[in-house]
Amino acid sequence: VPGTQMALPGFTWPYAYLDALATVIWEKGVDVEIVLSNPHSIPGGLSSTEANYGNGWNCVDVASEIIKRIQKLFPNAGDQELRRTVEENLRVCFLRSPHGRHYSDGSTLGLHSKHFIVDD
């Protein structure tokens, strides 16, 4: 379907991580801040199959997956309480520098590291 985002072959959402984030957001009100690579960030002239840090997902996609996990794990979560909790405790953004989202050669900023910092 044109315009539809699809995961790269072999990639799926990391549900164990999403479930852990959903649980601490919902049960403990923990602040979760996620910084994503810009979509389709490919370093050093490599191909998209060699290194694609952004994987094509945007901030709304990532936040939506976490919200869906909260709904699955806590089916009695009311809509208003869910909205309030997510607005207060979940922040997702793209990596930026003072010069924007691109390097001087026009390629997009990417973040290769895979780590989480969660303030409980």
N, C-alpha and C. Protein backbone atom coordinates (compact mmCIF):
# COMPACT_ATOMS: atom_id res chain seq x y z
N VAL A 1 0.85 -1.17 0.00
CA VAL A 1 0.00 0.00 0.00
C VAL A 1 0.90 1.24 0.00
N PRO A 2 0.76 2.11 -0.97
CA PRO A 2 1.61 3.32 -1.01
C PRO A 2 1.50 4.15 0.26
N GLY A 3 2.65 4.63 0.72
CA GLY A 3 2.67 5.47 1.91
C GLY A 3 2.65 4.72 3.22
N THR A 4 2.54 3.41 3.17
CA THR A 4 2.49 2.60 4.38
C THR A 4 3.90 2.32 4.87
N GLN A 5 4.12 2.49 6.16
CA GLN A 5 5.41 2.17 6.76
C GLN A 5 5.47 0.67 7.02
N MET A 6 6.60 0.06 6.68
CA MET A 6 6.80 -1.36 6.95
C MET A 6 8.16 -1.52 7.60
N ALA A 7 8.25 -2.46 8.53
CA ALA A 7 9.54 -2.75 9.15
C ALA A 7 10.48 -3.33 8.12
N LEU A 8 11.76 -3.10 8.31
CA LEU A 8 12.75 -3.76 7.46
C LEU A 8 12.63 -5.26 7.65
N PRO A 9 12.96 -6.04 6.65
CA PRO A 9 12.85 -7.51 6.78
C PRO A 9 13.58 -8.02 8.02
N GLY A 10 12.90 -8.85 8.78
CA GLY A 10 13.49 -9.43 9.97
C GLY A 10 13.33 -8.60 11.23
N PHE A 11 12.81 -7.38 11.11
CA PHE A 11 12.64 -6.52 12.28
C PHE A 11 11.20 -6.55 12.76
N THR A 12 11.04 -6.60 14.07
CA THR A 12 9.72 -6.53 14.69
C THR A 12 9.83 -5.60 15.90
N TRP A 13 8.70 -5.25 16.46
CA TRP A 13 8.70 -4.43 17.67
C TRP A 13 9.22 -5.25 18.83
N PRO A 14 10.05 -4.68 19.69
CA PRO A 14 10.60 -5.43 20.85
C PRO A 14 9.59 -5.43 22.01
N TYR A 15 8.63 -6.35 21.94
CA TYR A 15 7.52 -6.33 22.88
C TYR A 15 7.94 -6.47 24.34
N ALA A 16 8.98 -7.21 24.64
CA ALA A 16 9.41 -7.32 26.04
C ALA A 16 9.82 -5.95 26.58
N TYR A 17 10.54 -5.18 25.78
CA TYR A 17 10.93 -3.82 26.20
C TYR A 17 9.72 -2.90 26.27
N LEU A 18 8.86 -2.98 25.26
CA LEU A 18 7.67 -2.12 25.26
C LEU A 18 6.78 -2.44 26.44
N ASP A 19 6.66 -3.72 26.80
CA ASP A 19 5.85 -4.10 27.96
C ASP A 19 6.44 -3.55 29.25
N ALA A 20 7.77 -3.61 29.37
CA ALA A 20 8.41 -3.07 30.57
C ALA A 20 8.19 -1.56 30.67
N LEU A 21 8.33 -0.86 29.55
CA LEU A 21 8.10 0.59 29.56
C LEU A 21 6.64 0.90 29.87
N ALA A 22 5.73 0.17 29.24
CA ALA A 22 4.30 0.38 29.48
C ALA A 22 3.96 0.17 30.95
N THR A 23 4.53 -0.86 31.54
CA THR A 23 4.23 -1.18 32.95
C THR A 23 4.71 -0.09 33.89
N VAL A 24 5.94 0.38 33.73
CA VAL A 24 6.43 1.41 34.67
C VAL A 24 5.74 2.75 34.44
N ILE A 25 5.37 3.04 33.21
CA ILE A 25 4.61 4.27 32.97
C ILE A 25 3.27 4.18 33.67
N TRP A 26 2.57 3.06 33.49
CA TRP A 26 1.21 2.94 34.03
C TRP A 26 1.19 2.73 35.54
N GLU A 27 2.00 1.81 36.03
CA GLU A 27 1.93 1.46 37.45
C GLU A 27 2.67 2.43 38.37
N LYS A 28 3.76 3.04 37.90
CA LYS A 28 4.58 3.86 38.77
C LYS A 28 4.67 5.32 38.36
N GLY A 29 4.10 5.67 37.21
CA GLY A 29 4.18 7.06 36.75
C GLY A 29 5.59 7.49 36.41
N VAL A 30 6.41 6.53 35.97
CA VAL A 30 7.80 6.81 35.62
C VAL A 30 7.86 7.63 34.33
N ASP A 31 8.76 8.60 34.30
CA ASP A 31 9.00 9.37 33.08
C ASP A 31 9.88 8.56 32.14
N VAL A 32 9.44 8.41 30.91
CA VAL A 32 10.20 7.69 29.89
C VAL A 32 10.42 8.65 28.73
N GLU A 33 11.68 8.87 28.40
CA GLU A 33 12.05 9.75 27.29
C GLU A 33 12.87 8.94 26.30
N ILE A 34 12.43 8.93 25.05
CA ILE A 34 13.07 8.13 24.01
C ILE A 34 13.55 9.06 22.89
N VAL A 35 14.81 8.92 22.52
CA VAL A 35 15.37 9.69 21.41
C VAL A 35 15.60 8.71 20.26
N LEU A 36 14.97 9.00 19.13
CA LEU A 36 15.06 8.13 17.96
C LEU A 36 16.01 8.71 16.91
N SER A 37 16.60 7.81 16.14
CA SER A 37 17.29 8.26 14.94
C SER A 37 16.24 8.82 13.99
N ASN A 38 16.64 9.72 13.14
CA ASN A 38 15.73 10.23 12.12
C ASN A 38 15.41 9.10 11.14
N PRO A 39 14.20 9.08 10.59
CA PRO A 39 13.84 7.98 9.69
C PRO A 39 14.86 7.78 8.57
N HIS A 40 15.18 6.53 8.34
CA HIS A 40 16.07 6.10 7.26
C HIS A 40 17.46 6.72 7.36
N SER A 41 17.98 6.86 8.57
CA SER A 41 19.35 7.37 8.76
C SER A 41 20.33 6.26 8.40
N ILE A 42 21.08 6.49 7.36
CA ILE A 42 22.02 5.49 6.87
C ILE A 42 23.41 6.11 6.89
N PRO A 43 24.31 5.58 7.72
CA PRO A 43 25.62 6.22 7.89
C PRO A 43 26.62 5.87 6.78
N GLY A 44 27.55 6.78 6.58
CA GLY A 44 28.75 6.54 5.79
C GLY A 44 28.56 5.98 4.40
N GLY A 45 27.48 6.33 3.73
CA GLY A 45 27.29 5.85 2.38
C GLY A 45 26.94 4.37 2.27
N LEU A 46 26.59 3.73 3.38
CA LEU A 46 26.20 2.33 3.34
C LEU A 46 24.81 2.19 2.74
N SER A 47 24.41 0.98 2.43
CA SER A 47 23.07 0.76 1.89
C SER A 47 22.09 0.58 3.04
N SER A 48 20.80 0.63 2.74
CA SER A 48 19.79 0.48 3.78
C SER A 48 19.77 -0.92 4.37
N THR A 49 20.29 -1.90 3.67
CA THR A 49 20.36 -3.26 4.24
C THR A 49 21.59 -3.46 5.10
N GLU A 50 22.59 -2.59 4.96
CA GLU A 50 23.81 -2.69 5.79
C GLU A 50 23.65 -1.95 7.11
N ALA A 51 23.00 -0.80 7.08
CA ALA A 51 22.83 0.00 8.30
C ALA A 51 21.71 1.00 8.07
N ASN A 52 20.62 0.82 8.80
CA ASN A 52 19.49 1.73 8.69
C ASN A 52 19.05 2.05 10.11
N TYR A 53 19.62 3.08 10.69
CA TYR A 53 19.37 3.38 12.10
C TYR A 53 17.95 3.82 12.39
N GLY A 54 17.30 4.46 11.44
CA GLY A 54 15.96 4.97 11.70
C GLY A 54 14.86 3.96 11.49
N ASN A 55 15.08 2.96 10.68
CA ASN A 55 14.09 1.92 10.38
C ASN A 55 12.77 2.45 9.86
N GLY A 56 12.64 3.76 9.65
CA GLY A 56 11.44 4.31 9.06
C GLY A 56 10.33 4.69 10.03
N TRP A 57 10.46 4.34 11.30
CA TRP A 57 9.40 4.64 12.26
C TRP A 57 9.53 6.08 12.75
N ASN A 58 8.40 6.73 12.96
CA ASN A 58 8.45 8.09 13.50
C ASN A 58 8.05 8.08 14.97
N CYS A 59 8.05 9.24 15.57
CA CYS A 59 7.77 9.36 17.01
C CYS A 59 6.37 8.88 17.35
N VAL A 60 5.42 9.19 16.50
CA VAL A 60 4.03 8.76 16.75
C VAL A 60 3.92 7.24 16.70
N ASP A 61 4.63 6.61 15.76
CA ASP A 61 4.61 5.15 15.67
C ASP A 61 5.10 4.52 16.97
N VAL A 62 6.21 5.02 17.49
CA VAL A 62 6.81 4.46 18.71
C VAL A 62 5.88 4.70 19.91
N ALA A 63 5.40 5.91 20.06
CA ALA A 63 4.49 6.21 21.18
C ALA A 63 3.23 5.36 21.08
N SER A 64 2.70 5.19 19.88
CA SER A 64 1.49 4.39 19.68
C SER A 64 1.69 2.94 20.10
N GLU A 65 2.87 2.39 19.79
CA GLU A 65 3.14 1.00 20.19
C GLU A 65 3.18 0.86 21.70
N ILE A 66 3.73 1.84 22.38
CA ILE A 66 3.77 1.79 23.85
C ILE A 66 2.35 1.92 24.41
N ILE A 67 1.56 2.81 23.84
CA ILE A 67 0.17 2.99 24.29
C ILE A 67 -0.61 1.70 24.07
N LYS A 68 -0.42 1.05 22.93
CA LYS A 68 -1.11 -0.22 22.67
C LYS A 68 -0.72 -1.28 23.68
N ARG A 69 0.54 -1.27 24.12
CA ARG A 69 0.97 -2.24 25.13
C ARG A 69 0.32 -1.94 26.48
N ILE A 70 0.19 -0.65 26.82
CA ILE A 70 -0.52 -0.30 28.07
C ILE A 70 -1.95 -0.82 27.99
N GLN A 71 -2.61 -0.60 26.87
CA GLN A 71 -3.99 -1.06 26.72
C GLN A 71 -4.10 -2.58 26.81
N LYS A 72 -3.12 -3.28 26.25
CA LYS A 72 -3.14 -4.75 26.30
C LYS A 72 -2.88 -5.26 27.72
N LEU A 73 -1.89 -4.67 28.40
CA LEU A 73 -1.53 -5.14 29.73
C LEU A 73 -2.51 -4.69 30.81
N PHE A 74 -3.16 -3.56 30.59
CA PHE A 74 -4.08 -2.98 31.57
C PHE A 74 -5.40 -2.66 30.88
N PRO A 75 -6.18 -3.71 30.55
CA PRO A 75 -7.40 -3.51 29.76
C PRO A 75 -8.46 -2.64 30.43
N ASN A 76 -8.36 -2.45 31.73
CA ASN A 76 -9.34 -1.61 32.44
C ASN A 76 -8.91 -0.15 32.50
N ALA A 77 -7.81 0.18 31.86
CA ALA A 77 -7.34 1.57 31.85
C ALA A 77 -8.37 2.44 31.13
N GLY A 78 -8.85 3.45 31.83
CA GLY A 78 -9.81 4.36 31.23
C GLY A 78 -9.14 5.30 30.24
N ASP A 79 -9.88 5.72 29.24
CA ASP A 79 -9.34 6.57 28.19
C ASP A 79 -8.74 7.87 28.73
N GLN A 80 -9.46 8.55 29.61
CA GLN A 80 -8.97 9.83 30.13
C GLN A 80 -7.72 9.64 30.99
N GLU A 81 -7.72 8.61 31.82
CA GLU A 81 -6.54 8.35 32.66
C GLU A 81 -5.34 7.94 31.80
N LEU A 82 -5.59 7.16 30.76
CA LEU A 82 -4.53 6.77 29.85
C LEU A 82 -3.94 7.98 29.15
N ARG A 83 -4.79 8.85 28.66
CA ARG A 83 -4.31 10.07 27.99
C ARG A 83 -3.49 10.93 28.95
N ARG A 84 -3.97 11.13 30.15
CA ARG A 84 -3.27 11.95 31.13
C ARG A 84 -1.91 11.34 31.47
N THR A 85 -1.91 10.04 31.71
CA THR A 85 -0.66 9.36 32.08
C THR A 85 0.38 9.45 30.97
N VAL A 86 -0.04 9.21 29.74
CA VAL A 86 0.89 9.26 28.60
C VAL A 86 1.38 10.69 28.37
N GLU A 87 0.49 11.66 28.46
CA GLU A 87 0.90 13.06 28.27
C GLU A 87 1.91 13.49 29.33
N GLU A 88 1.76 13.00 30.55
CA GLU A 88 2.66 13.39 31.63
C GLU A 88 3.97 12.61 31.65
N ASN A 89 3.96 11.38 31.16
CA ASN A 89 5.11 10.51 31.41
C ASN A 89 5.85 9.98 30.19
N LEU A 90 5.36 10.19 28.99
CA LEU A 90 6.02 9.64 27.81
C LEU A 90 6.39 10.76 26.85
N ARG A 91 7.68 10.81 26.50
CA ARG A 91 8.17 11.78 25.53
C ARG A 91 9.05 11.06 24.52
N VAL A 92 8.76 11.28 23.25
CA VAL A 92 9.52 10.65 22.16
C VAL A 92 9.90 11.75 21.18
N CYS A 93 11.18 11.79 20.79
CA CYS A 93 11.62 12.82 19.84
C CYS A 93 12.71 12.25 18.93
N PHE A 94 12.98 12.97 17.84
CA PHE A 94 14.08 12.62 16.95
C PHE A 94 15.36 13.28 17.44
N LEU A 95 16.48 12.64 17.14
CA LEU A 95 17.80 13.18 17.42
C LEU A 95 18.00 14.47 16.62
N ARG A 96 18.51 15.50 17.28
CA ARG A 96 18.78 16.77 16.62
C ARG A 96 20.08 17.35 17.13
N SER A 97 20.59 18.27 16.38
CA SER A 97 21.76 19.04 16.81
C SER A 97 21.39 20.51 16.64
N PRO A 98 22.25 21.42 17.07
CA PRO A 98 21.94 22.85 16.86
C PRO A 98 21.77 23.20 15.37
N HIS A 99 22.26 22.33 14.49
CA HIS A 99 22.18 22.58 13.05
C HIS A 99 21.01 21.86 12.40
N GLY A 100 20.16 21.21 13.19
CA GLY A 100 19.00 20.52 12.64
C GLY A 100 19.14 19.02 12.69
N ARG A 101 18.49 18.34 11.74
CA ARG A 101 18.45 16.88 11.70
C ARG A 101 19.40 16.28 10.66
N HIS A 102 20.21 17.10 10.03
CA HIS A 102 21.08 16.61 8.96
C HIS A 102 22.54 17.00 9.18
N TYR A 103 23.42 16.15 8.67
CA TYR A 103 24.84 16.49 8.62
C TYR A 103 25.06 17.46 7.46
N SER A 104 26.24 18.03 7.37
CA SER A 104 26.53 19.00 6.30
C SER A 104 26.42 18.38 4.91
N ASP A 105 26.58 17.06 4.80
CA ASP A 105 26.46 16.41 3.49
C ASP A 105 25.01 16.07 3.13
N GLY A 106 24.07 16.42 4.01
CA GLY A 106 22.65 16.19 3.75
C GLY A 106 22.10 14.90 4.32
N SER A 107 22.98 14.00 4.79
CA SER A 107 22.48 12.75 5.37
C SER A 107 21.87 13.05 6.74
N THR A 108 20.91 12.22 7.14
CA THR A 108 20.21 12.46 8.40
C THR A 108 20.99 11.92 9.59
N LEU A 109 20.81 12.59 10.73
CA LEU A 109 21.47 12.17 11.97
C LEU A 109 20.91 10.82 12.41
N GLY A 110 21.79 9.94 12.80
CA GLY A 110 21.39 8.64 13.29
C GLY A 110 22.06 8.35 14.61
N LEU A 111 21.43 7.51 15.39
CA LEU A 111 21.94 7.14 16.71
C LEU A 111 22.06 5.62 16.74
N HIS A 112 23.28 5.12 16.76
CA HIS A 112 23.49 3.67 16.70
C HIS A 112 23.33 2.99 18.06
N SER A 113 23.60 3.72 19.12
CA SER A 113 23.57 3.10 20.44
C SER A 113 22.16 2.62 20.79
N LYS A 114 22.09 1.54 21.54
CA LYS A 114 20.82 0.99 22.00
C LYS A 114 20.85 0.96 23.52
N HIS A 115 20.33 1.99 24.13
CA HIS A 115 20.30 2.00 25.59
C HIS A 115 19.06 2.78 26.05
N PHE A 116 18.66 2.50 27.27
CA PHE A 116 17.50 3.15 27.85
C PHE A 116 17.93 3.84 29.13
N ILE A 117 17.41 5.02 29.34
CA ILE A 117 17.55 5.68 30.62
C ILE A 117 16.14 6.00 31.09
N VAL A 118 15.74 5.41 32.19
CA VAL A 118 14.39 5.58 32.71
C VAL A 118 14.51 6.12 34.12
N ASP A 119 13.88 7.24 34.37
CA ASP A 119 13.95 7.88 35.68
C ASP A 119 12.76 7.43 36.50
N ASP A 120 13.03 6.57 37.50
CA ASP A 120 11.93 6.12 38.35
C ASP A 120 11.96 6.84 39.67
